Amino acid sequence: MEETLNQFTRLAEKALEMIGDPKRVLIKVQVVDWEDSRPLPLEETERFLRVVGTKPEIHVAMVPYHPDLPMEKMIRSLTLSRARAEQGRASVQPITMREPHPSFSPM
């Protein structure tokens, strides 16, 4: 898990370096086990969100959507990480959850 988190951090930093504008970077965080279609453990997902949260300008997508995911808890983890990263700045943008696109069908 630690090595995966380190690789994930390097990937985010490389994307920022290549693109230049962090607002143009989107990081997708897998939240469902592809083999059995069940949500990954919340603690595991929150660790990744805390890593992404250290880069407040980066957009985050949690994919794929699954109705059993505790989205509010995951968003709260990301928001808290971003708030910590933004300490000392004028304001912290709140994170809002968007409804899935109407054409989307859950697993």
N, C-alpha and C. Protein backbone atom coordinates (compact mmCIF):
# COMPACT_ATOMS: atom_id res chain seq x y z
N MET A 1 0.82 -1.20 0.00
CA MET A 1 0.00 0.00 0.00
C MET A 1 0.87 1.26 0.00
N GLU A 2 1.92 1.26 0.80
CA GLU A 2 2.78 2.44 0.88
C GLU A 2 3.44 2.74 -0.47
N GLU A 3 3.91 1.70 -1.14
CA GLU A 3 4.54 1.89 -2.44
C GLU A 3 3.53 2.44 -3.45
N THR A 4 2.31 1.96 -3.39
CA THR A 4 1.26 2.46 -4.29
C THR A 4 0.98 3.93 -4.01
N LEU A 5 0.93 4.31 -2.74
CA LEU A 5 0.72 5.72 -2.39
C LEU A 5 1.87 6.58 -2.89
N ASN A 6 3.11 6.08 -2.77
CA ASN A 6 4.27 6.82 -3.26
C ASN A 6 4.20 6.99 -4.77
N GLN A 7 3.84 5.93 -5.49
CA GLN A 7 3.70 6.02 -6.95
C GLN A 7 2.59 6.99 -7.33
N PHE A 8 1.53 6.95 -6.59
CA PHE A 8 0.40 7.84 -6.83
C PHE A 8 0.83 9.30 -6.66
N THR A 9 1.60 9.57 -5.61
CA THR A 9 2.10 10.92 -5.36
C THR A 9 3.01 11.37 -6.50
N ARG A 10 3.91 10.49 -6.93
CA ARG A 10 4.81 10.82 -8.04
C ARG A 10 4.03 11.08 -9.32
N LEU A 11 2.98 10.29 -9.55
CA LEU A 11 2.14 10.47 -10.73
C LEU A 11 1.47 11.85 -10.71
N ALA A 12 0.92 12.22 -9.57
CA ALA A 12 0.27 13.53 -9.45
C ALA A 12 1.28 14.66 -9.68
N GLU A 13 2.46 14.53 -9.10
CA GLU A 13 3.49 15.56 -9.28
C GLU A 13 3.95 15.65 -10.73
N LYS A 14 4.09 14.51 -11.39
CA LYS A 14 4.49 14.47 -12.79
C LYS A 14 3.43 15.12 -13.67
N ALA A 15 2.16 14.83 -13.38
CA ALA A 15 1.06 15.43 -14.14
C ALA A 15 1.08 16.95 -13.99
N LEU A 16 1.31 17.42 -12.77
CA LEU A 16 1.39 18.87 -12.54
C LEU A 16 2.56 19.48 -13.31
N GLU A 17 3.68 18.77 -13.30
CA GLU A 17 4.87 19.25 -14.00
C GLU A 17 4.62 19.32 -15.52
N MET A 18 3.99 18.30 -16.07
CA MET A 18 3.76 18.23 -17.51
C MET A 18 2.71 19.24 -17.98
N ILE A 19 1.63 19.36 -17.24
CA ILE A 19 0.52 20.22 -17.64
C ILE A 19 0.78 21.68 -17.29
N GLY A 20 1.40 21.89 -16.13
CA GLY A 20 1.72 23.25 -15.71
C GLY A 20 0.62 23.93 -14.91
N ASP A 21 -0.60 23.76 -15.30
CA ASP A 21 -1.73 24.38 -14.62
C ASP A 21 -2.48 23.31 -13.84
N PRO A 22 -2.40 23.33 -12.51
CA PRO A 22 -3.04 22.27 -11.71
C PRO A 22 -4.54 22.19 -11.91
N LYS A 23 -5.17 23.27 -12.31
CA LYS A 23 -6.63 23.24 -12.53
C LYS A 23 -7.00 22.44 -13.77
N ARG A 24 -6.00 22.07 -14.58
CA ARG A 24 -6.26 21.27 -15.77
C ARG A 24 -5.94 19.79 -15.53
N VAL A 25 -5.64 19.44 -14.29
CA VAL A 25 -5.29 18.05 -13.96
C VAL A 25 -6.47 17.39 -13.26
N LEU A 26 -6.80 16.20 -13.72
CA LEU A 26 -7.86 15.40 -13.11
C LEU A 26 -7.26 14.07 -12.68
N ILE A 27 -7.37 13.76 -11.40
CA ILE A 27 -6.89 12.49 -10.86
C ILE A 27 -8.10 11.62 -10.58
N LYS A 28 -8.09 10.42 -11.13
CA LYS A 28 -9.18 9.47 -10.87
C LYS A 28 -8.74 8.53 -9.76
N VAL A 29 -9.56 8.39 -8.76
CA VAL A 29 -9.30 7.49 -7.64
C VAL A 29 -10.28 6.33 -7.76
N GLN A 30 -9.73 5.14 -7.95
CA GLN A 30 -10.57 3.95 -8.05
C GLN A 30 -11.14 3.63 -6.67
N VAL A 31 -12.45 3.46 -6.60
CA VAL A 31 -13.10 3.22 -5.32
C VAL A 31 -13.84 1.88 -5.28
N VAL A 32 -13.74 1.12 -6.37
CA VAL A 32 -14.42 -0.18 -6.46
C VAL A 32 -13.40 -1.22 -6.92
N ASP A 33 -13.47 -2.39 -6.32
CA ASP A 33 -12.62 -3.50 -6.73
C ASP A 33 -13.12 -3.99 -8.08
N TRP A 34 -12.25 -3.97 -9.09
CA TRP A 34 -12.67 -4.35 -10.44
C TRP A 34 -13.04 -5.83 -10.53
N GLU A 35 -12.48 -6.65 -9.67
CA GLU A 35 -12.73 -8.09 -9.76
C GLU A 35 -14.09 -8.50 -9.21
N ASP A 36 -14.51 -7.89 -8.12
CA ASP A 36 -15.80 -8.31 -7.54
C ASP A 36 -16.85 -7.19 -7.49
N SER A 37 -16.51 -6.02 -8.02
CA SER A 37 -17.43 -4.87 -8.10
C SER A 37 -17.91 -4.36 -6.74
N ARG A 38 -17.15 -4.66 -5.71
CA ARG A 38 -17.51 -4.17 -4.37
C ARG A 38 -16.66 -2.96 -4.03
N PRO A 39 -17.21 -2.02 -3.24
CA PRO A 39 -16.43 -0.85 -2.85
C PRO A 39 -15.16 -1.27 -2.09
N LEU A 40 -14.07 -0.55 -2.34
CA LEU A 40 -12.84 -0.79 -1.59
C LEU A 40 -13.05 -0.32 -0.15
N PRO A 41 -12.26 -0.82 0.78
CA PRO A 41 -12.41 -0.36 2.18
C PRO A 41 -12.27 1.16 2.27
N LEU A 42 -13.13 1.78 3.05
CA LEU A 42 -13.15 3.23 3.19
C LEU A 42 -11.78 3.76 3.62
N GLU A 43 -11.12 3.08 4.56
CA GLU A 43 -9.82 3.55 5.05
C GLU A 43 -8.80 3.64 3.92
N GLU A 44 -8.84 2.67 3.02
CA GLU A 44 -7.91 2.65 1.89
C GLU A 44 -8.18 3.82 0.94
N THR A 45 -9.43 4.03 0.62
CA THR A 45 -9.81 5.13 -0.27
C THR A 45 -9.47 6.47 0.36
N GLU A 46 -9.74 6.62 1.65
CA GLU A 46 -9.45 7.88 2.33
C GLU A 46 -7.96 8.20 2.32
N ARG A 47 -7.11 7.19 2.40
CA ARG A 47 -5.66 7.43 2.35
C ARG A 47 -5.26 8.05 1.01
N PHE A 48 -5.82 7.54 -0.08
CA PHE A 48 -5.53 8.11 -1.39
C PHE A 48 -6.07 9.53 -1.49
N LEU A 49 -7.26 9.76 -0.96
CA LEU A 49 -7.84 11.10 -1.01
C LEU A 49 -7.03 12.09 -0.21
N ARG A 50 -6.44 11.64 0.91
CA ARG A 50 -5.59 12.53 1.69
C ARG A 50 -4.34 12.92 0.90
N VAL A 51 -3.80 11.98 0.14
CA VAL A 51 -2.62 12.28 -0.70
C VAL A 51 -3.00 13.30 -1.77
N VAL A 52 -4.11 13.06 -2.47
CA VAL A 52 -4.56 13.98 -3.51
C VAL A 52 -4.91 15.33 -2.89
N GLY A 53 -5.43 15.32 -1.69
CA GLY A 53 -5.84 16.55 -1.03
C GLY A 53 -4.70 17.50 -0.74
N THR A 54 -3.47 17.02 -0.76
CA THR A 54 -2.33 17.92 -0.54
C THR A 54 -2.08 18.82 -1.74
N LYS A 55 -2.74 18.54 -2.84
CA LYS A 55 -2.66 19.37 -4.05
C LYS A 55 -4.05 19.95 -4.30
N PRO A 56 -4.42 21.02 -3.59
CA PRO A 56 -5.80 21.50 -3.60
C PRO A 56 -6.36 21.90 -4.96
N GLU A 57 -5.50 22.27 -5.90
CA GLU A 57 -6.01 22.76 -7.18
C GLU A 57 -6.39 21.63 -8.13
N ILE A 58 -5.97 20.40 -7.83
CA ILE A 58 -6.23 19.27 -8.71
C ILE A 58 -7.69 18.82 -8.57
N HIS A 59 -8.31 18.53 -9.70
CA HIS A 59 -9.67 17.98 -9.68
C HIS A 59 -9.58 16.48 -9.39
N VAL A 60 -10.59 15.97 -8.70
CA VAL A 60 -10.61 14.56 -8.30
C VAL A 60 -11.92 13.93 -8.75
N ALA A 61 -11.80 12.73 -9.33
CA ALA A 61 -12.98 11.93 -9.67
C ALA A 61 -12.86 10.60 -8.96
N MET A 62 -13.91 10.21 -8.27
CA MET A 62 -13.93 8.90 -7.61
C MET A 62 -14.75 7.98 -8.50
N VAL A 63 -14.09 6.97 -9.07
CA VAL A 63 -14.73 6.11 -10.07
C VAL A 63 -14.53 4.65 -9.76
N PRO A 64 -15.43 3.79 -10.23
CA PRO A 64 -16.75 4.13 -10.76
C PRO A 64 -17.72 4.39 -9.63
N TYR A 65 -18.80 5.03 -9.95
CA TYR A 65 -19.82 5.29 -8.94
C TYR A 65 -20.43 3.97 -8.48
N HIS A 66 -20.67 3.88 -7.19
CA HIS A 66 -21.34 2.71 -6.64
C HIS A 66 -22.28 3.21 -5.55
N PRO A 67 -23.54 2.79 -5.56
CA PRO A 67 -24.51 3.32 -4.60
C PRO A 67 -24.18 3.03 -3.14
N ASP A 68 -23.34 2.04 -2.86
CA ASP A 68 -23.01 1.71 -1.47
C ASP A 68 -21.80 2.48 -0.93
N LEU A 69 -21.24 3.37 -1.74
CA LEU A 69 -20.08 4.13 -1.28
C LEU A 69 -20.50 5.24 -0.32
N PRO A 70 -19.75 5.43 0.75
CA PRO A 70 -20.04 6.53 1.68
C PRO A 70 -19.42 7.84 1.15
N MET A 71 -20.02 8.37 0.09
CA MET A 71 -19.45 9.53 -0.59
C MET A 71 -19.23 10.72 0.34
N GLU A 72 -20.15 10.96 1.26
CA GLU A 72 -20.01 12.10 2.16
C GLU A 72 -18.74 11.98 3.00
N LYS A 73 -18.44 10.77 3.49
CA LYS A 73 -17.23 10.57 4.29
C LYS A 73 -15.98 10.77 3.44
N MET A 74 -16.00 10.27 2.22
CA MET A 74 -14.83 10.41 1.36
C MET A 74 -14.61 11.87 0.99
N ILE A 75 -15.68 12.58 0.70
CA ILE A 75 -15.56 14.00 0.36
C ILE A 75 -15.05 14.78 1.57
N ARG A 76 -15.52 14.43 2.76
CA ARG A 76 -15.06 15.09 3.98
C ARG A 76 -13.55 14.88 4.17
N SER A 77 -13.05 13.68 3.89
CA SER A 77 -11.60 13.41 4.01
C SER A 77 -10.82 14.28 3.04
N LEU A 78 -11.30 14.38 1.83
CA LEU A 78 -10.63 15.20 0.82
C LEU A 78 -10.68 16.67 1.21
N THR A 79 -11.83 17.13 1.68
CA THR A 79 -11.98 18.53 2.08
C THR A 79 -11.04 18.88 3.23
N LEU A 80 -10.94 17.99 4.23
CA LEU A 80 -10.05 18.25 5.36
C LEU A 80 -8.59 18.29 4.93
N SER A 81 -8.20 17.39 4.03
CA SER A 81 -6.82 17.39 3.53
C SER A 81 -6.53 18.67 2.78
N ARG A 82 -7.48 19.11 1.99
CA ARG A 82 -7.28 20.36 1.24
C ARG A 82 -7.22 21.56 2.18
N ALA A 83 -8.04 21.54 3.22
CA ALA A 83 -8.02 22.65 4.17
C ALA A 83 -6.67 22.74 4.86
N ARG A 84 -6.11 21.58 5.22
CA ARG A 84 -4.78 21.57 5.84
C ARG A 84 -3.72 22.09 4.87
N ALA A 85 -3.82 21.69 3.61
CA ALA A 85 -2.87 22.13 2.60
C ALA A 85 -3.00 23.63 2.32
N GLU A 86 -4.19 24.16 2.51
CA GLU A 86 -4.46 25.56 2.21
C GLU A 86 -4.26 26.49 3.42
N GLN A 87 -3.90 25.94 4.56
CA GLN A 87 -3.74 26.78 5.75
C GLN A 87 -2.84 27.96 5.43
N GLY A 88 -3.29 29.11 5.86
CA GLY A 88 -2.51 30.31 5.61
C GLY A 88 -2.97 31.07 4.36
N ARG A 89 -3.76 30.43 3.53
CA ARG A 89 -4.31 31.12 2.36
C ARG A 89 -5.63 31.76 2.74
N ALA A 90 -6.11 32.64 1.90
CA ALA A 90 -7.32 33.42 2.21
C ALA A 90 -8.57 32.57 2.37
N SER A 91 -8.76 31.58 1.49
CA SER A 91 -9.98 30.80 1.58
C SER A 91 -9.77 29.39 1.06
N VAL A 92 -10.66 28.52 1.46
CA VAL A 92 -10.64 27.14 0.99
C VAL A 92 -11.96 26.90 0.29
N GLN A 93 -11.89 26.41 -0.95
CA GLN A 93 -13.10 26.15 -1.71
C GLN A 93 -13.76 24.86 -1.19
N PRO A 94 -15.03 24.91 -0.87
CA PRO A 94 -15.71 23.69 -0.44
C PRO A 94 -15.85 22.72 -1.62
N ILE A 95 -15.91 21.46 -1.31
CA ILE A 95 -16.09 20.44 -2.34
C ILE A 95 -17.55 20.04 -2.33
N THR A 96 -18.12 19.96 -3.50
CA THR A 96 -19.51 19.56 -3.60
C THR A 96 -19.62 18.27 -4.39
N MET A 97 -20.60 17.48 -4.05
CA MET A 97 -20.83 16.23 -4.76
C MET A 97 -21.85 16.49 -5.85
N ARG A 98 -21.52 16.03 -7.05
CA ARG A 98 -22.44 16.18 -8.16
C ARG A 98 -23.18 14.87 -8.38
N GLU A 99 -24.40 15.00 -8.86
CA GLU A 99 -25.18 13.82 -9.20
C GLU A 99 -24.58 13.17 -10.44
N PRO A 100 -24.63 11.83 -10.55
CA PRO A 100 -24.14 11.19 -11.77
C PRO A 100 -24.94 11.67 -12.98
N HIS A 101 -24.32 11.65 -14.12
CA HIS A 101 -24.97 12.04 -15.37
C HIS A 101 -26.21 11.15 -15.56
N PRO A 102 -27.32 11.70 -16.09
CA PRO A 102 -28.54 10.91 -16.26
C PRO A 102 -28.35 9.64 -17.09
N SER A 103 -27.40 9.64 -18.00
CA SER A 103 -27.21 8.44 -18.83
C SER A 103 -26.40 7.36 -18.12
N PHE A 104 -25.85 7.69 -16.93
CA PHE A 104 -25.04 6.73 -16.19
C PHE A 104 -25.91 5.69 -15.52
N SER A 105 -25.50 4.43 -15.62
CA SER A 105 -26.22 3.37 -14.91
C SER A 105 -25.26 2.67 -13.97
N PRO A 106 -25.56 2.64 -12.66
CA PRO A 106 -24.68 1.98 -11.69
C PRO A 106 -24.53 0.51 -12.01
N MET A 107 -23.50 -0.06 -11.44
CA MET A 107 -23.20 -1.48 -11.65
C MET A 107 -24.35 -2.36 -11.24
